[in-house]
């Protein structure tokens, strides 16, 4: 797929930055890089470990002047979680349109709800800890198809259970989640001279991850040789205006 693209990874001082990402050459950078109109020698920027609110602000400011793509951990984590929902629904014989998904503390990852809407989930419920007294989580999640915990155990959630009516828990507990679609999406944005991925493009990435997931797992392996080409192909079609269901 050509030379490895140079990805500037920006995080806070205490961030656990990825040391290696397949098909990408990582350049550790500081937030000052975002103040330059065109970061020299960089093909894309990934905001990893930056406070979420600050990351969205930095991205907005950067995209207003820069000519290279900028993606956030929030966006890429949402893609990984959405892919797990798609795999789960496929294995249980449910279509997204008939599914009910509960997002615990949805404000922790605002990209999640619009992305689930983009993949066609018919019933999405957002639950916050402040709702617990009036709407206990176990009652809210009863008979749902999945519960998404975007904080990966950061809030009290329904434990995985075989109890009838209790749904599977999908948690952002794997640091590989946000990295799975990153190389292919960065390549697609670079080749299309695009600086941002809309929800249709993120949706395409989620379907690509689901397509690369084997029968024994819930997400593809990061070193799966088909992963980056599949994400690249589906994201490229979405960026070109093609919106297939898969």
C-alpha atoms as a PDB file:
ATOM      1  CA  UNK A   1       0.000   0.000   0.000  1.00  0.00           C
ATOM      2  CA  UNK A   2       2.936   2.321  -0.503  1.00  0.00           C
ATOM      3  CA  UNK A   3       5.295   3.814   2.039  1.00  0.00           C
ATOM      4  CA  UNK A   4       4.256   3.842   5.726  1.00  0.00           C
ATOM      5  CA  UNK A   5       2.510   7.128   6.453  1.00  0.00           C
ATOM      6  CA  UNK A   6       3.929   9.328   9.206  1.00  0.00           C
ATOM      7  CA  UNK A   7       1.446   9.747  12.051  1.00  0.00           C
ATOM      8  CA  UNK A   8       2.004  12.431  14.682  1.00  0.00           C
ATOM      9  CA  UNK A   9       0.727  11.048  17.997  1.00  0.00           C
ATOM     10  CA  UNK A  10      -0.093  13.744  20.550  1.00  0.00           C
ATOM     11  CA  UNK A  11      -0.953  13.074  24.178  1.00  0.00           C
ATOM     12  CA  UNK A  12      -0.661  14.572  27.622  1.00  0.00           C
ATOM     13  CA  UNK A  13       2.497  14.199  29.710  1.00  0.00           C
ATOM     14  CA  UNK A  14       1.186  11.062  31.444  1.00  0.00           C
ATOM     15  CA  UNK A  15      -0.404   9.483  28.370  1.00  0.00           C
ATOM     16  CA  UNK A  16       0.386   5.902  27.460  1.00  0.00           C
ATOM     17  CA  UNK A  17       1.202   6.480  23.786  1.00  0.00           C
ATOM     18  CA  UNK A  18       1.292   3.566  21.346  1.00  0.00           C
ATOM     19  CA  UNK A  19       4.856   2.616  20.526  1.00  0.00           C
ATOM     20  CA  UNK A  20       4.030   0.867  17.276  1.00  0.00           C
ATOM     21  CA  UNK A  21       1.057   0.723  14.901  1.00  0.00           C
ATOM     22  CA  UNK A  22       1.147  -1.538  11.837  1.00  0.00           C
ATOM     23  CA  UNK A  23       1.525   0.306   8.504  1.00  0.00           C
ATOM     24  CA  UNK A  24       2.206   3.648  10.217  1.00  0.00           C
ATOM     25  CA  UNK A  25       5.394   5.393  11.257  1.00  0.00           C
ATOM     26  CA  UNK A  26       4.788   7.047  14.621  1.00  0.00           C
ATOM     27  CA  UNK A  27       6.160  10.496  15.327  1.00  0.00           C
ATOM     28  CA  UNK A  28       5.721  11.556  18.954  1.00  0.00           C
ATOM     29  CA  UNK A  29       4.751  15.221  18.961  1.00  0.00           C
ATOM     30  CA  UNK A  30       3.454  17.986  21.190  1.00  0.00           C
ATOM     31  CA  UNK A  31       0.297  20.056  20.932  1.00  0.00           C
ATOM     32  CA  UNK A  32       2.376  22.926  19.543  1.00  0.00           C
ATOM     33  CA  UNK A  33       2.445  20.980  16.277  1.00  0.00           C
ATOM     34  CA  UNK A  34      -1.229  21.856  15.848  1.00  0.00           C
ATOM     35  CA  UNK A  35      -0.402  25.561  15.698  1.00  0.00           C
ATOM     36  CA  UNK A  36       1.406  25.181  12.373  1.00  0.00           C
ATOM     37  CA  UNK A  37      -0.624  25.476   9.147  1.00  0.00           C
ATOM     38  CA  UNK A  38       1.001  22.398   7.596  1.00  0.00           C
ATOM     39  CA  UNK A  39       3.031  20.115   9.903  1.00  0.00           C
ATOM     40  CA  UNK A  40       6.174  19.300   7.930  1.00  0.00           C
ATOM     41  CA  UNK A  41       6.890  15.637   7.350  1.00  0.00           C
ATOM     42  CA  UNK A  42       3.592  14.487   8.880  1.00  0.00           C
ATOM     43  CA  UNK A  43       0.765  12.788   6.960  1.00  0.00           C
ATOM     44  CA  UNK A  44      -1.834  12.738   9.755  1.00  0.00           C
ATOM     45  CA  UNK A  45      -2.355  13.583  13.425  1.00  0.00           C
ATOM     46  CA  UNK A  46      -3.795  11.315  16.118  1.00  0.00           C
ATOM     47  CA  UNK A  47      -4.889  12.861  19.422  1.00  0.00           C
ATOM     48  CA  UNK A  48      -4.301  10.027  21.863  1.00  0.00           C
ATOM     49  CA  UNK A  49      -4.526  10.470  25.601  1.00  0.00           C
ATOM     50  CA  UNK A  50      -5.460  14.128  25.388  1.00  0.00           C
ATOM     51  CA  UNK A  51      -8.386  15.134  27.580  1.00  0.00           C
ATOM     52  CA  UNK A  52     -11.482  14.469  25.479  1.00  0.00           C
ATOM     53  CA  UNK A  53     -12.924  17.976  25.603  1.00  0.00           C
ATOM     54  CA  UNK A  54      -9.523  19.459  24.852  1.00  0.00           C
ATOM     55  CA  UNK A  55      -9.018  16.940  22.045  1.00  0.00           C
ATOM     56  CA  UNK A  56     -12.229  18.043  20.304  1.00  0.00           C
ATOM     57  CA  UNK A  57     -11.217  21.692  20.673  1.00  0.00           C
ATOM     58  CA  UNK A  58      -7.702  21.047  19.385  1.00  0.00           C
ATOM     59  CA  UNK A  59      -9.059  19.087  16.437  1.00  0.00           C
ATOM     60  CA  UNK A  60     -11.509  21.842  15.490  1.00  0.00           C
ATOM     61  CA  UNK A  61      -8.772  24.462  15.653  1.00  0.00           C
ATOM     62  CA  UNK A  62      -6.349  22.281  13.724  1.00  0.00           C
ATOM     63  CA  UNK A  63      -8.769  21.389  10.927  1.00  0.00           C
ATOM     64  CA  UNK A  64      -9.617  25.057  10.446  1.00  0.00           C
ATOM     65  CA  UNK A  65      -6.103  25.692   9.130  1.00  0.00           C
ATOM     66  CA  UNK A  66      -4.319  22.409   8.457  1.00  0.00           C
ATOM     67  CA  UNK A  67      -4.207  20.252   5.355  1.00  0.00           C
ATOM     68  CA  UNK A  68      -3.683  16.848   6.959  1.00  0.00           C
ATOM     69  CA  UNK A  69      -6.213  14.505   8.634  1.00  0.00           C
ATOM     70  CA  UNK A  70      -6.722  14.670  12.395  1.00  0.00           C
ATOM     71  CA  UNK A  71      -8.405  11.859  14.306  1.00  0.00           C
ATOM     72  CA  UNK A  72      -9.111  11.407  18.020  1.00  0.00           C
ATOM     73  CA  UNK A  73      -9.030   8.397  20.305  1.00  0.00           C
ATOM     74  CA  UNK A  74     -12.711   9.018  21.034  1.00  0.00           C
ATOM     75  CA  UNK A  75     -13.669   8.575  17.379  1.00  0.00           C
ATOM     76  CA  UNK A  76     -11.554   5.482  16.878  1.00  0.00           C
ATOM     77  CA  UNK A  77     -12.740   3.867  20.114  1.00  0.00           C
ATOM     78  CA  UNK A  78     -16.332   4.406  18.998  1.00  0.00           C
ATOM     79  CA  UNK A  79     -15.523   2.606  15.737  1.00  0.00           C
ATOM     80  CA  UNK A  80     -14.160  -0.398  17.644  1.00  0.00           C
ATOM     81  CA  UNK A  81     -17.182  -0.546  19.951  1.00  0.00           C
ATOM     82  CA  UNK A  82     -19.631  -0.182  17.056  1.00  0.00           C
ATOM     83  CA  UNK A  83     -17.885  -3.046  15.298  1.00  0.00           C
ATOM     84  CA  UNK A  84     -18.364  -5.261  18.339  1.00  0.00           C
ATOM     85  CA  UNK A  85     -22.069  -4.401  18.309  1.00  0.00           C
ATOM     86  CA  UNK A  86     -22.272  -5.418  14.638  1.00  0.00           C
ATOM     87  CA  UNK A  87     -20.507  -8.729  15.313  1.00  0.00           C
ATOM     88  CA  UNK A  88     -22.752  -9.449  18.298  1.00  0.00           C
ATOM     89  CA  UNK A  89     -25.933  -8.709  16.345  1.00  0.00           C
ATOM     90  CA  UNK A  90     -24.803 -10.862  13.423  1.00  0.00           C
ATOM     91  CA  UNK A  91     -24.141 -13.812  15.747  1.00  0.00           C
ATOM     92  CA  UNK A  92     -27.489 -13.473  17.475  1.00  0.00           C
ATOM     93  CA  UNK A  93     -29.408 -13.081  14.234  1.00  0.00           C
ATOM     94  CA  UNK A  94     -30.546  -9.549  15.006  1.00  0.00           C
ATOM     95  CA  UNK A  95     -30.548  -6.693  12.527  1.00  0.00           C
ATOM     96  CA  UNK A  96     -29.397  -3.257  13.690  1.00  0.00           C
ATOM     97  CA  UNK A  97     -32.851  -1.845  12.933  1.00  0.00           C
ATOM     98  CA  UNK A  98     -34.503  -4.143  15.500  1.00  0.00           C
ATOM     99  CA  UNK A  99     -31.746  -3.891  18.124  1.00  0.00           C
ATOM    100  CA  UNK A 100     -31.839  -2.080  21.461  1.00  0.00           C
ATOM    101  CA  UNK A 101     -28.497  -0.821  22.790  1.00  0.00           C
ATOM    102  CA  UNK A 102     -27.854   0.965  26.086  1.00  0.00           C
ATOM    103  CA  UNK A 103     -24.886   3.332  26.384  1.00  0.00           C
ATOM    104  CA  UNK A 104     -23.686   3.848  29.954  1.00  0.00           C
ATOM    105  CA  UNK A 105     -22.495   7.414  30.573  1.00  0.00           C
ATOM    106  CA  UNK A 106     -22.830   8.361  26.925  1.00  0.00           C
ATOM    107  CA  UNK A 107     -21.316  11.803  27.558  1.00  0.00           C
ATOM    108  CA  UNK A 108     -17.970  10.029  28.016  1.00  0.00           C
ATOM    109  CA  UNK A 109     -17.871   9.313  24.287  1.00  0.00           C
ATOM    110  CA  UNK A 110     -20.271  11.586  22.358  1.00  0.00           C
ATOM    111  CA  UNK A 111     -19.311   9.984  19.027  1.00  0.00           C
ATOM    112  CA  UNK A 112     -20.900   6.693  20.086  1.00  0.00           C
ATOM    113  CA  UNK A 113     -24.596   7.522  19.794  1.00  0.00           C
ATOM    114  CA  UNK A 114     -24.426   9.202  16.340  1.00  0.00           C
ATOM    115  CA  UNK A 115     -22.297   6.316  15.079  1.00  0.00           C
ATOM    116  CA  UNK A 116     -24.832   3.726  16.270  1.00  0.00           C
ATOM    117  CA  UNK A 117     -27.502   5.755  14.503  1.00  0.00           C
ATOM    118  CA  UNK A 118     -25.367   5.714  11.358  1.00  0.00           C
ATOM    119  CA  UNK A 119     -25.142   1.904  11.409  1.00  0.00           C
ATOM    120  CA  UNK A 120     -28.908   1.761  11.835  1.00  0.00           C
ATOM    121  CA  UNK A 121     -29.471   0.700  15.466  1.00  0.00           C
ATOM    122  CA  UNK A 122     -33.179   1.189  15.985  1.00  0.00           C
ATOM    123  CA  UNK A 123     -33.337   1.850  19.729  1.00  0.00           C
ATOM    124  CA  UNK A 124     -30.520   3.616  21.594  1.00  0.00           C
ATOM    125  CA  UNK A 125     -30.840   4.428  25.301  1.00  0.00           C
ATOM    126  CA  UNK A 126     -28.379   6.716  27.100  1.00  0.00           C
ATOM    127  CA  UNK A 127     -27.982   6.156  30.846  1.00  0.00           C
ATOM    128  CA  UNK A 128     -26.090   8.329  33.312  1.00  0.00           C
ATOM    129  CA  UNK A 129     -25.193   7.496  36.939  1.00  0.00           C
ATOM    130  CA  UNK A 130     -27.459  10.355  38.023  1.00  0.00           C
ATOM    131  CA  UNK A 131     -30.383   8.342  36.629  1.00  0.00           C
ATOM    132  CA  UNK A 132     -29.752   5.433  38.995  1.00  0.00           C
ATOM    133  CA  UNK A 133     -32.357   6.290  41.642  1.00  0.00           C
ATOM    134  CA  UNK A 134     -35.228   6.775  39.214  1.00  0.00           C
ATOM    135  CA  UNK A 135     -34.089   4.346  36.544  1.00  0.00           C
ATOM    136  CA  UNK A 136     -31.914   1.497  37.911  1.00  0.00           C
ATOM    137  CA  UNK A 137     -29.489   0.297  35.277  1.00  0.00           C
ATOM    138  CA  UNK A 138     -30.509  -3.356  35.570  1.00  0.00           C
ATOM    139  CA  UNK A 139     -34.095  -2.398  34.736  1.00  0.00           C
ATOM    140  CA  UNK A 140     -33.054  -0.163  31.851  1.00  0.00           C
ATOM    141  CA  UNK A 141     -30.863  -2.855  30.316  1.00  0.00           C
ATOM    142  CA  UNK A 142     -33.348  -5.710  30.692  1.00  0.00           C
ATOM    143  CA  UNK A 143     -34.068  -7.334  27.313  1.00  0.00           C
ATOM    144  CA  UNK A 144     -31.568  -5.088  25.546  1.00  0.00           C
ATOM    145  CA  UNK A 145     -29.221  -6.555  22.963  1.00  0.00           C
ATOM    146  CA  UNK A 146     -26.072  -4.944  24.362  1.00  0.00           C
ATOM    147  CA  UNK A 147     -24.759  -2.540  26.985  1.00  0.00           C
ATOM    148  CA  UNK A 148     -21.836  -0.321  25.988  1.00  0.00           C
ATOM    149  CA  UNK A 149     -19.456   0.926  28.683  1.00  0.00           C
ATOM    150  CA  UNK A 150     -17.233   3.503  26.934  1.00  0.00           C
ATOM    151  CA  UNK A 151     -15.133   4.021  30.064  1.00  0.00           C
ATOM    152  CA  UNK A 152     -14.102   0.394  30.312  1.00  0.00           C
ATOM    153  CA  UNK A 153     -15.208  -0.168  33.894  1.00  0.00           C
ATOM    154  CA  UNK A 154     -15.097   3.448  34.947  1.00  0.00           C
ATOM    155  CA  UNK A 155     -18.690   3.360  36.183  1.00  0.00           C
ATOM    156  CA  UNK A 156     -20.813   0.653  37.843  1.00  0.00           C
ATOM    157  CA  UNK A 157     -22.386  -1.347  35.035  1.00  0.00           C
ATOM    158  CA  UNK A 158     -24.278  -4.560  34.581  1.00  0.00           C
ATOM    159  CA  UNK A 159     -21.864  -7.436  35.033  1.00  0.00           C
ATOM    160  CA  UNK A 160     -21.690 -10.033  32.275  1.00  0.00           C
ATOM    161  CA  UNK A 161     -24.333 -12.552  33.183  1.00  0.00           C
ATOM    162  CA  UNK A 162     -26.141 -15.615  31.883  1.00  0.00           C
ATOM    163  CA  UNK A 163     -29.263 -14.494  33.733  1.00  0.00           C
ATOM    164  CA  UNK A 164     -32.234 -14.415  31.389  1.00  0.00           C
ATOM    165  CA  UNK A 165     -32.847 -10.968  29.988  1.00  0.00           C
ATOM    166  CA  UNK A 166     -29.417  -9.572  30.889  1.00  0.00           C
ATOM    167  CA  UNK A 167     -27.490  -8.365  27.828  1.00  0.00           C
ATOM    168  CA  UNK A 168     -23.809  -8.762  26.945  1.00  0.00           C
ATOM    169  CA  UNK A 169     -21.503  -6.011  28.181  1.00  0.00           C
ATOM    170  CA  UNK A 170     -19.281  -4.319  25.580  1.00  0.00           C
ATOM    171  CA  UNK A 171     -16.561  -2.336  27.329  1.00  0.00           C
ATOM    172  CA  UNK A 172     -13.740  -0.155  26.027  1.00  0.00           C
ATOM    173  CA  UNK A 173     -11.251  -2.204  28.006  1.00  0.00           C
ATOM    174  CA  UNK A 174      -8.737  -3.032  25.279  1.00  0.00           C
ATOM    175  CA  UNK A 175      -6.095  -0.415  24.347  1.00  0.00           C
ATOM    176  CA  UNK A 176      -6.056  -1.909  20.831  1.00  0.00           C
ATOM    177  CA  UNK A 177      -9.673  -0.818  20.180  1.00  0.00           C
ATOM    178  CA  UNK A 178      -8.885   2.642  18.803  1.00  0.00           C
ATOM    179  CA  UNK A 179      -5.899   1.418  16.766  1.00  0.00           C
ATOM    180  CA  UNK A 180      -7.630  -1.247  14.674  1.00  0.00           C
ATOM    181  CA  UNK A 181      -9.138   0.998  11.996  1.00  0.00           C
ATOM    182  CA  UNK A 182      -6.554   3.781  12.305  1.00  0.00           C
ATOM    183  CA  UNK A 183      -3.993   2.725   9.630  1.00  0.00           C
ATOM    184  CA  UNK A 184      -6.586   2.016   6.945  1.00  0.00           C
ATOM    185  CA  UNK A 185      -8.566   5.164   7.669  1.00  0.00           C
ATOM    186  CA  UNK A 186      -5.451   7.353   7.707  1.00  0.00           C
ATOM    187  CA  UNK A 187      -4.426   5.890   4.334  1.00  0.00           C
ATOM    188  CA  UNK A 188      -7.902   6.479   2.856  1.00  0.00           C
ATOM    189  CA  UNK A 189      -8.031  10.079   4.071  1.00  0.00           C
ATOM    190  CA  UNK A 190      -4.500  10.697   2.774  1.00  0.00           C
ATOM    191  CA  UNK A 191      -5.217   9.222  -0.666  1.00  0.00           C
ATOM    192  CA  UNK A 192      -8.494  11.142  -1.009  1.00  0.00           C
ATOM    193  CA  UNK A 193      -6.876  14.396   0.206  1.00  0.00           C
ATOM    194  CA  UNK A 194      -9.528  14.553   2.942  1.00  0.00           C
ATOM    195  CA  UNK A 195      -8.907  16.003   6.384  1.00  0.00           C
ATOM    196  CA  UNK A 196     -11.854  14.559   8.301  1.00  0.00           C
ATOM    197  CA  UNK A 197     -13.993  11.430   8.476  1.00  0.00           C
ATOM    198  CA  UNK A 198     -17.768  11.899   8.654  1.00  0.00           C
ATOM    199  CA  UNK A 199     -20.078   9.403  10.325  1.00  0.00           C
ATOM    200  CA  UNK A 200     -20.653   7.493   7.085  1.00  0.00           C
ATOM    201  CA  UNK A 201     -16.898   6.946   6.855  1.00  0.00           C
ATOM    202  CA  UNK A 202     -16.628   5.887  10.503  1.00  0.00           C
ATOM    203  CA  UNK A 203     -19.586   3.578   9.891  1.00  0.00           C
ATOM    204  CA  UNK A 204     -17.746   2.013   6.960  1.00  0.00           C
ATOM    205  CA  UNK A 205     -14.735   1.424   9.207  1.00  0.00           C
ATOM    206  CA  UNK A 206     -16.913  -0.343  11.790  1.00  0.00           C
ATOM    207  CA  UNK A 207     -18.292  -2.670   9.116  1.00  0.00           C
ATOM    208  CA  UNK A 208     -14.761  -3.320   7.869  1.00  0.00           C
ATOM    209  CA  UNK A 209     -13.611  -4.371  11.350  1.00  0.00           C
ATOM    210  CA  UNK A 210     -16.634  -6.640  11.672  1.00  0.00           C
ATOM    211  CA  UNK A 211     -15.849  -8.226   8.288  1.00  0.00           C
ATOM    212  CA  UNK A 212     -12.285  -8.996   9.455  1.00  0.00           C
ATOM    213  CA  UNK A 213     -13.376 -10.538  12.758  1.00  0.00           C
ATOM    214  CA  UNK A 214     -12.984 -14.293  13.006  1.00  0.00           C
ATOM    215  CA  UNK A 215     -15.585 -16.621  14.452  1.00  0.00           C
ATOM    216  CA  UNK A 216     -13.594 -17.080  17.673  1.00  0.00           C
ATOM    217  CA  UNK A 217     -13.183 -13.398  18.567  1.00  0.00           C
ATOM    218  CA  UNK A 218     -15.037 -10.126  18.889  1.00  0.00           C
ATOM    219  CA  UNK A 219     -12.550  -7.908  17.054  1.00  0.00           C
ATOM    220  CA  UNK A 220      -9.860  -8.587  14.452  1.00  0.00           C
ATOM    221  CA  UNK A 221      -6.234  -8.962  15.467  1.00  0.00           C
ATOM    222  CA  UNK A 222      -4.182  -5.810  15.024  1.00  0.00           C
ATOM    223  CA  UNK A 223      -1.672  -7.767  12.924  1.00  0.00           C
ATOM    224  CA  UNK A 224      -4.326  -9.305  10.646  1.00  0.00           C
ATOM    225  CA  UNK A 225      -2.882  -8.740   7.121  1.00  0.00           C
ATOM    226  CA  UNK A 226      -6.363  -8.165   5.674  1.00  0.00           C
ATOM    227  CA  UNK A 227      -7.299  -5.519   8.237  1.00  0.00           C
ATOM    228  CA  UNK A 228      -5.726  -2.350   6.849  1.00  0.00           C
ATOM    229  CA  UNK A 229      -6.572  -3.103   3.175  1.00  0.00           C
ATOM    230  CA  UNK A 230     -10.205  -3.830   4.098  1.00  0.00           C
ATOM    231  CA  UNK A 231     -10.589  -0.663   6.166  1.00  0.00           C
ATOM    232  CA  UNK A 232      -8.858   1.335   3.450  1.00  0.00           C
ATOM    233  CA  UNK A 233     -11.161   0.006   0.723  1.00  0.00           C
ATOM    234  CA  UNK A 234     -14.417   0.547   2.622  1.00  0.00           C
ATOM    235  CA  UNK A 235     -13.395   3.960   3.959  1.00  0.00           C
ATOM    236  CA  UNK A 236     -12.294   5.047   0.476  1.00  0.00           C
ATOM    237  CA  UNK A 237     -15.672   4.095  -0.968  1.00  0.00           C
ATOM    238  CA  UNK A 238     -17.447   6.051   1.755  1.00  0.00           C
ATOM    239  CA  UNK A 239     -15.256   9.097   1.184  1.00  0.00           C
ATOM    240  CA  UNK A 240     -16.073   8.844  -2.534  1.00  0.00           C
ATOM    241  CA  UNK A 241     -19.787   8.950  -1.754  1.00  0.00           C
ATOM    242  CA  UNK A 242     -20.579   5.247  -1.962  1.00  0.00           C
ATOM    243  CA  UNK A 243     -22.735   4.197   1.023  1.00  0.00           C
ATOM    244  CA  UNK A 244     -23.187   0.407   0.887  1.00  0.00           C
ATOM    245  CA  UNK A 245     -24.689  -1.412   3.837  1.00  0.00           C
ATOM    246  CA  UNK A 246     -21.494  -3.376   4.315  1.00  0.00           C
END
